Amino acid sequence: MFSAKSPENIDAIYQGLKMLETIEGGWLLRVTKNTKVDQIANDIDVVVYGEFPDEAALALYKSNSVYEDCTAIVRPLRDKRIAVDIPA
């Protein structure tokens, strides 16, 4: 989950994170903007949802050059980055 430093950066963060969907592998990955329907907590702007079969697949995904390119684009524009790892 990502929040933008400035509202003007949300689209750039979204487009940068969408690059991650081009990384091929045996996993599910979706990038979407937060619709902000909840009336209370709306500080997250973009969500990356992934399901990986194991830690090796996650490591392979993170080692891809597209992941590095995405990080270079998004990191300077984001404020919060929240990651949660849970077993399925």
Protein backbone atom coordinates (compact mmCIF):
# COMPACT_ATOMS: atom_id res chain seq x y z
CA MET A 1 0.00 0.00 0.00
CA PHE A 2 1.33 3.41 -0.95
CA SER A 3 0.46 6.99 -0.18
CA ALA A 4 1.64 9.91 -2.26
CA LYS A 5 3.65 12.81 -0.86
CA SER A 6 1.37 15.04 -2.90
CA PRO A 7 -1.99 14.36 -4.63
CA GLU A 8 -0.37 15.35 -7.93
CA ASN A 9 1.88 12.27 -7.63
CA ILE A 10 -0.87 9.64 -7.38
CA ASP A 11 -1.12 8.98 -11.13
CA ALA A 12 2.67 8.76 -11.52
CA ILE A 13 2.87 6.32 -8.61
CA TYR A 14 0.03 4.28 -10.08
CA GLN A 15 1.65 4.15 -13.53
CA GLY A 16 5.03 3.27 -12.03
CA LEU A 17 3.55 0.45 -9.97
CA LYS A 18 1.55 -0.85 -12.95
CA MET A 19 4.94 -1.78 -14.45
CA LEU A 20 5.08 -4.58 -11.87
CA GLU A 21 2.20 -6.36 -13.62
CA THR A 22 4.49 -6.97 -16.61
CA ILE A 23 6.81 -9.22 -14.59
CA GLU A 24 5.97 -12.75 -15.65
CA GLY A 25 5.89 -15.64 -13.23
CA GLY A 26 3.71 -18.10 -11.39
CA TRP A 27 2.00 -15.52 -9.22
CA LEU A 28 -0.95 -13.15 -9.14
CA LEU A 29 -0.29 -9.43 -9.04
CA ARG A 30 -2.74 -6.52 -9.28
CA VAL A 31 -2.20 -2.77 -8.97
CA THR A 32 -5.18 -0.50 -8.34
CA LYS A 33 -6.00 2.94 -7.03
CA ASN A 34 -7.81 3.08 -3.71
CA THR A 35 -11.45 3.97 -4.41
CA LYS A 36 -11.60 5.63 -0.97
CA VAL A 37 -15.17 4.55 -0.24
CA ASP A 38 -14.45 4.22 3.48
CA GLN A 39 -15.29 7.43 5.29
CA ILE A 40 -12.60 7.18 7.97
CA ALA A 41 -9.20 6.01 6.73
CA ASN A 42 -8.28 7.15 3.24
CA ASP A 43 -4.57 7.86 3.47
CA ILE A 44 -3.62 5.01 1.10
CA ASP A 45 -3.69 5.99 -2.58
CA VAL A 46 -2.49 2.91 -4.48
CA VAL A 47 -2.55 -0.78 -3.58
CA VAL A 48 -0.36 -3.57 -4.92
CA TYR A 49 -1.88 -6.99 -4.21
CA GLY A 50 0.18 -10.10 -4.84
CA GLU A 51 -0.11 -13.80 -4.19
CA PHE A 52 3.13 -15.76 -4.42
CA PRO A 53 3.34 -19.54 -4.11
CA ASP A 54 6.44 -19.34 -1.90
CA GLU A 55 9.27 -17.09 -0.76
CA ALA A 56 11.44 -18.19 -3.69
CA ALA A 57 8.85 -16.83 -6.14
CA LEU A 58 8.70 -13.55 -4.22
CA ALA A 59 12.50 -13.29 -4.31
CA LEU A 60 12.49 -13.96 -8.08
CA TYR A 61 9.86 -11.24 -8.58
CA LYS A 62 11.86 -8.72 -6.51
CA SER A 63 15.08 -9.51 -8.40
CA ASN A 64 13.57 -8.53 -11.76
CA SER A 65 14.95 -5.34 -13.34
CA VAL A 66 11.39 -4.01 -13.81
CA TYR A 67 10.98 -4.11 -10.01
CA GLU A 68 14.15 -2.01 -9.67
CA ASP A 69 12.93 0.45 -12.34
CA CYS A 70 9.58 0.75 -10.59
CA THR A 71 11.26 1.45 -7.26
CA ALA A 72 13.37 4.22 -8.82
CA ILE A 73 10.23 5.91 -10.15
CA VAL A 74 7.94 5.47 -7.15
CA ARG A 75 10.22 5.88 -4.12
CA PRO A 76 10.81 9.65 -4.54
CA LEU A 77 7.06 10.29 -4.99
CA ARG A 78 5.64 8.23 -2.15
CA ASP A 79 5.19 8.97 1.50
CA LYS A 80 4.04 5.74 3.13
CA ARG A 81 4.81 2.23 1.97
CA ILE A 82 3.05 -0.46 3.96
CA ALA A 83 3.72 -4.12 3.25
CA VAL A 84 2.01 -7.10 4.84
CA ASP A 85 3.20 -10.68 4.33
CA ILE A 86 0.76 -13.39 5.35
CA PRO A 87 0.56 -17.08 4.53
CA ALA A 88 -2.40 -18.09 2.39
